[in-house]
Structure formats: C-alpha cells, structure tokens
Amino acid sequence: MLISDYQYFSPEIACLPPQLPNGNFRPMQSQYKFEDAIEIYCNAGYKSSGPISKCTESGWSPPPWCKRKYLASCLGCEYPDIENGRLEDYYESRRINNIPVTLGQSVDFSCNTGFLSARRHHWDRVQCTTLGWYPEPKCLIPCTASEEDMGRNNIKLRWKSDTKLYSESGDTIEFTCIHDFSLAQGSPPFRAQCRDGTITYPRCRYSAIEPH
C-alpha cells in the first residue's frame, strides 16, 4: 500500500471532548473524527495552547489547555511583554525605571502594522486587576490563505473578484469547492474566521458522477 493510499484511507479515529478548565471550545460534540478540529477559547487572564486543536491518532494535538498568563500580587502587576507590539513610550520608560504598576492602573500599548488587539484595535488599554491584566495585552497575528493549503483541501476563494489572501485576525474568509468536488462530511463550514494567525479550512472531496 502506498503512503498516499494510507493517508486517503485513514481510520475513523474518535476523540472524546477534552476537559478544559478555565475555558471552553467549539463545536461541542459527543465525539470527534480523525482530523476534526475544535477552536479553543480561554477565560479572561488565561492563555491557550493554541487557537485550534485537531483529533489525531494519538489524541488531541496540541493538547488543549488554558493557563494563567499574567499574575498580580498585592503590590500590582508586572509590565507585560507584548509580542508583535509595544508599550507606549511613557509606560516603557516607567518599566525601565522599575516603577511598578499598581492595582487599578491602566497602561496603553500599540500593535505592529497588520496586528490587532483582542478588541480589534491597533492600540488598546489594559488594566491591572487582582487576576492580572484585563483584557489580555496581546497583538493577534493576521492570516494568509495560502494557495498550497487551499489546493490541499480542494477549495478556492468563493468570490472570483476576491483576490485578498491576507486577512486580519477576526476577519471572515469565504471558500467554496473546486469543480467536481463537494463539502466533505464533518468538514468545517465554508465561512472561516482568522483566529490569531490560524484558519480552519473547509475540506472538499471528489463527488463527480463517473460516466457509464
């Protein structure tokens, strides 16, 4: 049997719903098939193992979890390190001079070009609370719908006039199947949302009727 044949006839591996304290996921089902994906959503102040997790031969990959990201003490919060962004100059200078952030105080930060905060702003404000920074000071990664990924899933952009492969986090991208293909059973929907650099692609399979 060829490797490609093995990949095509993958066994119907079933994964049970994961346990996810401090967060939730969707879609919620009683079990999941091989390569089914779930989207991970963590509570405020927690970070996830990644925006999506897939059902594989060895279980969920990566294993879904939500862990506390920024801890606060009775004295206040540590200044956050913001990947793909930076604190405003005033707060950056206070960080350098080791001036602590007290409970209830807010700080401003900005995201690099193409990146957005969790509230879809290029700049945002977060507050030091007893649970840490709220909302999470983070700059979300944009997505690129690659020709390679679309070809692998037998899909294309839905609208012929739509040549935009680049999308900001939170944007919705619409796909459709290529000619002679239809949406595979258990596939994610055609409308996919960019979530922090990740797109959950729909999958299409060959469906044309062979001539007699």
C-alpha atoms as a PDB file:
ATOM      1  CA  MET A   1       0.000   0.000   0.000  1.00  0.00           C
ATOM      2  CA  LEU A   2       1.348   3.409  -0.904  1.00  0.00           C
ATOM      3  CA  ILE A   3       1.741   6.101   1.739  1.00  0.00           C
ATOM      4  CA  SER A   4      -0.731   8.247  -0.188  1.00  0.00           C
ATOM      5  CA  ASP A   5      -3.222   5.344  -0.055  1.00  0.00           C
ATOM      6  CA  TYR A   6      -2.782   5.103   3.702  1.00  0.00           C
ATOM      7  CA  GLN A   7      -3.429   8.817   4.086  1.00  0.00           C
ATOM      8  CA  TYR A   8      -6.563   8.529   1.951  1.00  0.00           C
ATOM      9  CA  PHE A   9      -7.960   5.569   3.908  1.00  0.00           C
ATOM     10  CA  SER A  10      -7.220   6.981   7.377  1.00  0.00           C
ATOM     11  CA  PRO A  11      -9.115   5.048  10.064  1.00  0.00           C
ATOM     12  CA  GLU A  12     -12.139   6.648  11.704  1.00  0.00           C
ATOM     13  CA  ILE A  13     -10.303   7.573  14.875  1.00  0.00           C
ATOM     14  CA  ALA A  14     -12.595   9.027  17.537  1.00  0.00           C
ATOM     15  CA  CYS A  15     -11.594  11.596  20.161  1.00  0.00           C
ATOM     16  CA  LEU A  16     -13.715  12.403  23.196  1.00  0.00           C
ATOM     17  CA  PRO A  17     -14.460  16.028  24.176  1.00  0.00           C
ATOM     18  CA  PRO A  18     -11.457  17.438  26.074  1.00  0.00           C
ATOM     19  CA  GLN A  19     -11.577  18.661  29.669  1.00  0.00           C
ATOM     20  CA  LEU A  20     -10.821  22.389  29.563  1.00  0.00           C
ATOM     21  CA  PRO A  21     -10.896  24.167  32.945  1.00  0.00           C
ATOM     22  CA  ASN A  22     -10.746  27.975  32.647  1.00  0.00           C
ATOM     23  CA  GLY A  23     -12.015  27.912  29.068  1.00  0.00           C
ATOM     24  CA  ASN A  24     -14.322  26.343  26.520  1.00  0.00           C
ATOM     25  CA  PHE A  25     -14.288  25.108  22.938  1.00  0.00           C
ATOM     26  CA  ARG A  26     -16.476  24.691  19.886  1.00  0.00           C
ATOM     27  CA  PRO A  27     -18.045  22.889  18.206  1.00  0.00           C
ATOM     28  CA  MET A  28     -19.230  20.741  21.125  1.00  0.00           C
ATOM     29  CA  GLN A  29     -19.918  17.123  20.107  1.00  0.00           C
ATOM     30  CA  SER A  30     -20.117  13.740  21.841  1.00  0.00           C
ATOM     31  CA  GLN A  31     -17.074  12.567  19.842  1.00  0.00           C
ATOM     32  CA  TYR A  32     -14.843  13.728  17.001  1.00  0.00           C
ATOM     33  CA  LYS A  33     -13.463  12.021  13.915  1.00  0.00           C
ATOM     34  CA  PHE A  34      -9.883  11.926  12.643  1.00  0.00           C
ATOM     35  CA  GLU A  35      -8.674  15.447  11.681  1.00  0.00           C
ATOM     36  CA  ASP A  36     -11.757  17.145  13.165  1.00  0.00           C
ATOM     37  CA  ALA A  37     -10.731  20.452  14.742  1.00  0.00           C
ATOM     38  CA  ILE A  38     -12.008  22.444  17.709  1.00  0.00           C
ATOM     39  CA  GLU A  39     -11.479  26.129  18.450  1.00  0.00           C
ATOM     40  CA  ILE A  40     -10.148  26.982  21.924  1.00  0.00           C
ATOM     41  CA  TYR A  41     -11.438  29.969  23.924  1.00  0.00           C
ATOM     42  CA  CYS A  42      -9.879  30.781  27.303  1.00  0.00           C
ATOM     43  CA  ASN A  43     -11.344  32.897  30.093  1.00  0.00           C
ATOM     44  CA  ALA A  44     -10.005  36.396  30.701  1.00  0.00           C
ATOM     45  CA  GLY A  45      -6.455  36.331  32.072  1.00  0.00           C
ATOM     46  CA  TYR A  46      -5.671  32.896  30.613  1.00  0.00           C
ATOM     47  CA  LYS A  47      -3.738  31.842  27.522  1.00  0.00           C
ATOM     48  CA  SER A  48      -4.375  28.780  25.372  1.00  0.00           C
ATOM     49  CA  SER A  49      -2.187  26.041  23.945  1.00  0.00           C
ATOM     50  CA  GLY A  50      -3.180  27.407  20.534  1.00  0.00           C
ATOM     51  CA  PRO A  51      -6.298  28.662  18.757  1.00  0.00           C
ATOM     52  CA  ILE A  52      -7.200  25.191  17.437  1.00  0.00           C
ATOM     53  CA  SER A  53      -6.580  21.535  18.325  1.00  0.00           C
ATOM     54  CA  LYS A  54      -7.029  18.551  15.974  1.00  0.00           C
ATOM     55  CA  CYS A  55      -8.103  14.955  16.591  1.00  0.00           C
ATOM     56  CA  THR A  56      -5.150  12.702  15.681  1.00  0.00           C
ATOM     57  CA  GLU A  57      -4.127   9.066  16.093  1.00  0.00           C
ATOM     58  CA  SER A  58      -2.579   9.947  19.457  1.00  0.00           C
ATOM     59  CA  GLY A  59      -5.412  12.204  20.677  1.00  0.00           C
ATOM     60  CA  TRP A  60      -5.810  15.969  20.595  1.00  0.00           C
ATOM     61  CA  SER A  61      -2.874  17.851  19.080  1.00  0.00           C
ATOM     62  CA  PRO A  62      -1.749  20.120  20.536  1.00  0.00           C
ATOM     63  CA  PRO A  63      -3.360  19.078  23.843  1.00  0.00           C
ATOM     64  CA  PRO A  64      -5.846  21.870  24.662  1.00  0.00           C
ATOM     65  CA  TRP A  65      -5.336  23.817  27.891  1.00  0.00           C
ATOM     66  CA  CYS A  66      -5.863  27.277  29.391  1.00  0.00           C
ATOM     67  CA  LYS A  67      -3.239  28.579  31.819  1.00  0.00           C
ATOM     68  CA  ARG A  68      -2.948  31.812  33.779  1.00  0.00           C
ATOM     69  CA  LYS A  69      -0.867  34.281  31.795  1.00  0.00           C
ATOM     70  CA  TYR A  70      -0.307  37.337  33.959  1.00  0.00           C
ATOM     71  CA  LEU A  71      -0.319  37.019  37.745  1.00  0.00           C
ATOM     72  CA  ALA A  72      -0.843  40.002  40.007  1.00  0.00           C
ATOM     73  CA  SER A  73       0.392  40.413  43.566  1.00  0.00           C
ATOM     74  CA  CYS A  74      -0.960  42.647  46.280  1.00  0.00           C
ATOM     75  CA  LEU A  75       1.579  45.235  45.057  1.00  0.00           C
ATOM     76  CA  GLY A  76       0.328  45.253  41.463  1.00  0.00           C
ATOM     77  CA  CYS A  77       1.248  43.807  38.067  1.00  0.00           C
ATOM     78  CA  GLU A  78       4.475  43.341  36.176  1.00  0.00           C
ATOM     79  CA  TYR A  79       4.687  45.203  32.881  1.00  0.00           C
ATOM     80  CA  PRO A  80       3.647  42.824  30.085  1.00  0.00           C
ATOM     81  CA  ASP A  81       5.934  41.742  27.252  1.00  0.00           C
ATOM     82  CA  ILE A  82       3.832  42.214  24.128  1.00  0.00           C
ATOM     83  CA  GLU A  83       4.833  40.118  21.131  1.00  0.00           C
ATOM     84  CA  ASN A  84       4.231  41.984  17.846  1.00  0.00           C
ATOM     85  CA  GLY A  85       3.561  45.199  19.760  1.00  0.00           C
ATOM     86  CA  ARG A  86       4.971  47.596  22.355  1.00  0.00           C
ATOM     87  CA  LEU A  87       4.034  49.677  25.350  1.00  0.00           C
ATOM     88  CA  GLU A  88       3.561  53.386  24.752  1.00  0.00           C
ATOM     89  CA  ASP A  89       6.745  55.381  25.417  1.00  0.00           C
ATOM     90  CA  TYR A  90       5.558  56.731  28.793  1.00  0.00           C
ATOM     91  CA  TYR A  91       4.957  53.247  30.202  1.00  0.00           C
ATOM     92  CA  GLU A  92       8.083  51.816  28.585  1.00  0.00           C
ATOM     93  CA  SER A  93      10.180  54.425  30.413  1.00  0.00           C
ATOM     94  CA  ARG A  94       8.481  53.517  33.698  1.00  0.00           C
ATOM     95  CA  ARG A  95       9.262  49.862  33.071  1.00  0.00           C
ATOM     96  CA  ILE A  96      12.946  50.682  32.514  1.00  0.00           C
ATOM     97  CA  ASN A  97      12.998  52.633  35.785  1.00  0.00           C
ATOM     98  CA  ASN A  98      11.289  49.754  37.654  1.00  0.00           C
ATOM     99  CA  ILE A  99       8.253  51.820  38.611  1.00  0.00           C
ATOM    100  CA  PRO A 100       5.564  49.231  39.456  1.00  0.00           C
ATOM    101  CA  VAL A 101       2.026  49.162  38.120  1.00  0.00           C
ATOM    102  CA  THR A 102      -0.463  49.396  40.974  1.00  0.00           C
ATOM    103  CA  LEU A 103      -3.816  47.631  41.112  1.00  0.00           C
ATOM    104  CA  GLY A 104      -6.418  49.577  39.160  1.00  0.00           C
ATOM    105  CA  GLN A 105      -3.863  51.385  36.991  1.00  0.00           C
ATOM    106  CA  SER A 106      -4.134  51.163  33.187  1.00  0.00           C
ATOM    107  CA  VAL A 107      -1.403  51.109  30.544  1.00  0.00           C
ATOM    108  CA  ASP A 108      -1.578  51.749  26.796  1.00  0.00           C
ATOM    109  CA  PHE A 109       0.063  49.662  24.101  1.00  0.00           C
ATOM    110  CA  SER A 110       0.103  49.554  20.308  1.00  0.00           C
ATOM    111  CA  CYS A 111       0.332  46.676  17.829  1.00  0.00           C
ATOM    112  CA  ASN A 112       2.637  46.465  14.838  1.00  0.00           C
ATOM    113  CA  THR A 113       1.197  47.070  11.367  1.00  0.00           C
ATOM    114  CA  GLY A 114      -1.258  44.305  10.411  1.00  0.00           C
ATOM    115  CA  PHE A 115      -1.698  43.129  14.003  1.00  0.00           C
ATOM    116  CA  LEU A 116      -4.729  43.876  16.197  1.00  0.00           C
ATOM    117  CA  SER A 117      -5.528  43.700  19.899  1.00  0.00           C
ATOM    118  CA  ALA A 118      -8.128  41.255  21.211  1.00  0.00           C
ATOM    119  CA  ARG A 119     -10.702  44.042  20.794  1.00  0.00           C
ATOM    120  CA  ARG A 120      -9.576  44.560  17.162  1.00  0.00           C
ATOM    121  CA  HIS A 121      -7.785  47.875  17.706  1.00  0.00           C
ATOM    122  CA  HIS A 122      -4.310  48.902  16.566  1.00  0.00           C
ATOM    123  CA  TRP A 123      -3.826  50.397  20.024  1.00  0.00           C
ATOM    124  CA  ASP A 124      -5.554  49.450  23.258  1.00  0.00           C
ATOM    125  CA  ARG A 125      -5.619  49.927  27.013  1.00  0.00           C
ATOM    126  CA  VAL A 126      -5.439  47.227  29.686  1.00  0.00           C
ATOM    127  CA  GLN A 127      -5.929  47.429  33.441  1.00  0.00           C
ATOM    128  CA  CYS A 128      -4.086  45.784  36.318  1.00  0.00           C
ATOM    129  CA  THR A 129      -6.590  43.701  38.313  1.00  0.00           C
ATOM    130  CA  THR A 130      -6.316  41.128  41.081  1.00  0.00           C
ATOM    131  CA  LEU A 131      -6.437  38.468  38.332  1.00  0.00           C
ATOM    132  CA  GLY A 132      -3.711  40.140  36.272  1.00  0.00           C
ATOM    133  CA  TRP A 133      -4.031  42.277  33.153  1.00  0.00           C
ATOM    134  CA  TYR A 134      -7.513  42.681  31.703  1.00  0.00           C
ATOM    135  CA  PRO A 135      -8.166  42.277  28.870  1.00  0.00           C
ATOM    136  CA  GLU A 136      -5.131  40.220  27.902  1.00  0.00           C
ATOM    137  CA  PRO A 137      -2.444  42.522  26.417  1.00  0.00           C
ATOM    138  CA  LYS A 138      -1.898  40.717  23.140  1.00  0.00           C
ATOM    139  CA  CYS A 139      -1.448  41.541  19.461  1.00  0.00           C
ATOM    140  CA  LEU A 140      -3.197  38.964  17.285  1.00  0.00           C
ATOM    141  CA  ILE A 141      -1.462  37.547  14.210  1.00  0.00           C
ATOM    142  CA  PRO A 142      -3.006  38.105  10.745  1.00  0.00           C
ATOM    143  CA  CYS A 143      -3.738  35.177   8.409  1.00  0.00           C
ATOM    144  CA  THR A 144      -2.711  34.318   4.873  1.00  0.00           C
ATOM    145  CA  ALA A 145      -4.924  31.893   2.959  1.00  0.00           C
ATOM    146  CA  SER A 146      -2.195  30.086   1.042  1.00  0.00           C
ATOM    147  CA  GLU A 147      -2.687  28.564  -2.408  1.00  0.00           C
ATOM    148  CA  GLU A 148      -0.991  25.408  -1.096  1.00  0.00           C
ATOM    149  CA  ASP A 149      -3.457  24.952   1.790  1.00  0.00           C
ATOM    150  CA  MET A 150      -6.437  25.654  -0.468  1.00  0.00           C
ATOM    151  CA  GLY A 151      -5.172  23.153  -3.041  1.00  0.00           C
ATOM    152  CA  ARG A 152      -4.630  20.506  -0.362  1.00  0.00           C
ATOM    153  CA  ASN A 153      -8.261  20.897   0.742  1.00  0.00           C
ATOM    154  CA  ASN A 154      -9.666  21.182  -2.819  1.00  0.00           C
ATOM    155  CA  ILE A 155     -11.110  24.644  -2.186  1.00  0.00           C
ATOM    156  CA  LYS A 156     -10.843  28.163  -3.585  1.00  0.00           C
ATOM    157  CA  LEU A 157     -11.992  31.649  -2.597  1.00  0.00           C
ATOM    158  CA  ARG A 158     -15.752  31.889  -3.070  1.00  0.00           C
ATOM    159  CA  TRP A 159     -15.858  35.165  -4.978  1.00  0.00           C
ATOM    160  CA  LYS A 160     -13.976  35.395  -8.270  1.00  0.00           C
ATOM    161  CA  SER A 161     -13.336  39.088  -7.639  1.00  0.00           C
ATOM    162  CA  ASP A 162     -11.823  38.337  -4.228  1.00  0.00           C
ATOM    163  CA  THR A 163      -8.051  38.094  -4.570  1.00  0.00           C
ATOM    164  CA  LYS A 164      -7.362  39.028  -0.952  1.00  0.00           C
ATOM    165  CA  LEU A 165      -5.364  36.215   0.640  1.00  0.00           C
ATOM    166  CA  TYR A 166      -4.304  38.366   3.619  1.00  0.00           C
ATOM    167  CA  SER A 167      -6.782  38.926   6.487  1.00  0.00           C
ATOM    168  CA  GLU A 168      -6.568  40.499   9.926  1.00  0.00           C
ATOM    169  CA  SER A 169      -7.461  38.432  12.982  1.00  0.00           C
ATOM    170  CA  GLY A 170     -11.246  38.382  13.328  1.00  0.00           C
ATOM    171  CA  ASP A 171     -11.916  38.756   9.596  1.00  0.00           C
ATOM    172  CA  THR A 172     -14.101  36.166   7.863  1.00  0.00           C
ATOM    173  CA  ILE A 173     -12.971  34.406   4.684  1.00  0.00           C
ATOM    174  CA  GLU A 174     -15.411  32.544   2.423  1.00  0.00           C
ATOM    175  CA  PHE A 175     -14.373  29.470   0.440  1.00  0.00           C
ATOM    176  CA  THR A 176     -16.090  27.081  -1.950  1.00  0.00           C
ATOM    177  CA  CYS A 177     -15.187  23.730  -3.502  1.00  0.00           C
ATOM    178  CA  ILE A 178     -13.344  23.469  -6.791  1.00  0.00           C
ATOM    179  CA  HIS A 179     -15.179  21.967  -9.789  1.00  0.00           C
ATOM    180  CA  ASP A 180     -16.488  18.383  -9.321  1.00  0.00           C
ATOM    181  CA  PHE A 181     -15.883  18.498  -5.553  1.00  0.00           C
ATOM    182  CA  SER A 182     -18.338  18.926  -2.657  1.00  0.00           C
ATOM    183  CA  LEU A 183     -18.031  19.627   1.053  1.00  0.00           C
ATOM    184  CA  ALA A 184     -16.701  16.569   2.898  1.00  0.00           C
ATOM    185  CA  GLN A 185     -18.685  15.068   5.757  1.00  0.00           C
ATOM    186  CA  GLY A 186     -17.599  16.554   9.079  1.00  0.00           C
ATOM    187  CA  SER A 187     -15.760  19.418   7.372  1.00  0.00           C
ATOM    188  CA  PRO A 188     -15.635  22.882   8.956  1.00  0.00           C
ATOM    189  CA  PRO A 189     -18.005  25.365   7.237  1.00  0.00           C
ATOM    190  CA  PHE A 190     -17.123  27.394   4.137  1.00  0.00           C
ATOM    191  CA  ARG A 191     -17.057  30.603   6.216  1.00  0.00           C
ATOM    192  CA  ALA A 192     -13.791  30.564   8.166  1.00  0.00           C
ATOM    193  CA  GLN A 193     -12.566  33.145  10.635  1.00  0.00           C
ATOM    194  CA  CYS A 194      -8.948  34.182  11.039  1.00  0.00           C
ATOM    195  CA  ARG A 195      -8.069  33.482  14.671  1.00  0.00           C
ATOM    196  CA  ASP A 196      -4.649  34.721  15.756  1.00  0.00           C
ATOM    197  CA  GLY A 197      -2.872  33.560  12.596  1.00  0.00           C
ATOM    198  CA  THR A 198      -4.870  30.346  12.149  1.00  0.00           C
ATOM    199  CA  ILE A 199      -7.533  29.460   9.569  1.00  0.00           C
ATOM    200  CA  THR A 200      -9.631  26.307   9.986  1.00  0.00           C
ATOM    201  CA  TYR A 201     -10.053  25.333   6.330  1.00  0.00           C
ATOM    202  CA  PRO A 202     -13.117  23.504   4.990  1.00  0.00           C
ATOM    203  CA  ARG A 203     -12.410  20.222   3.179  1.00  0.00           C
ATOM    204  CA  CYS A 204     -13.911  19.091  -0.123  1.00  0.00           C
ATOM    205  CA  ARG A 205     -13.862  15.640  -1.687  1.00  0.00           C
ATOM    206  CA  TYR A 206     -14.375  14.404  -5.239  1.00  0.00           C
ATOM    207  CA  SER A 207     -18.071  13.964  -5.995  1.00  0.00           C
ATOM    208  CA  ALA A 208     -18.479  13.898  -9.786  1.00  0.00           C
ATOM    209  CA  ILE A 209     -20.527  11.004 -11.184  1.00  0.00           C
ATOM    210  CA  GLU A 210     -18.460   8.793 -13.450  1.00  0.00           C
ATOM    211  CA  PRO A 211     -19.976   8.277 -16.966  1.00  0.00           C
ATOM    212  CA  HIS A 212     -21.228   4.737 -17.763  1.00  0.00           C
END
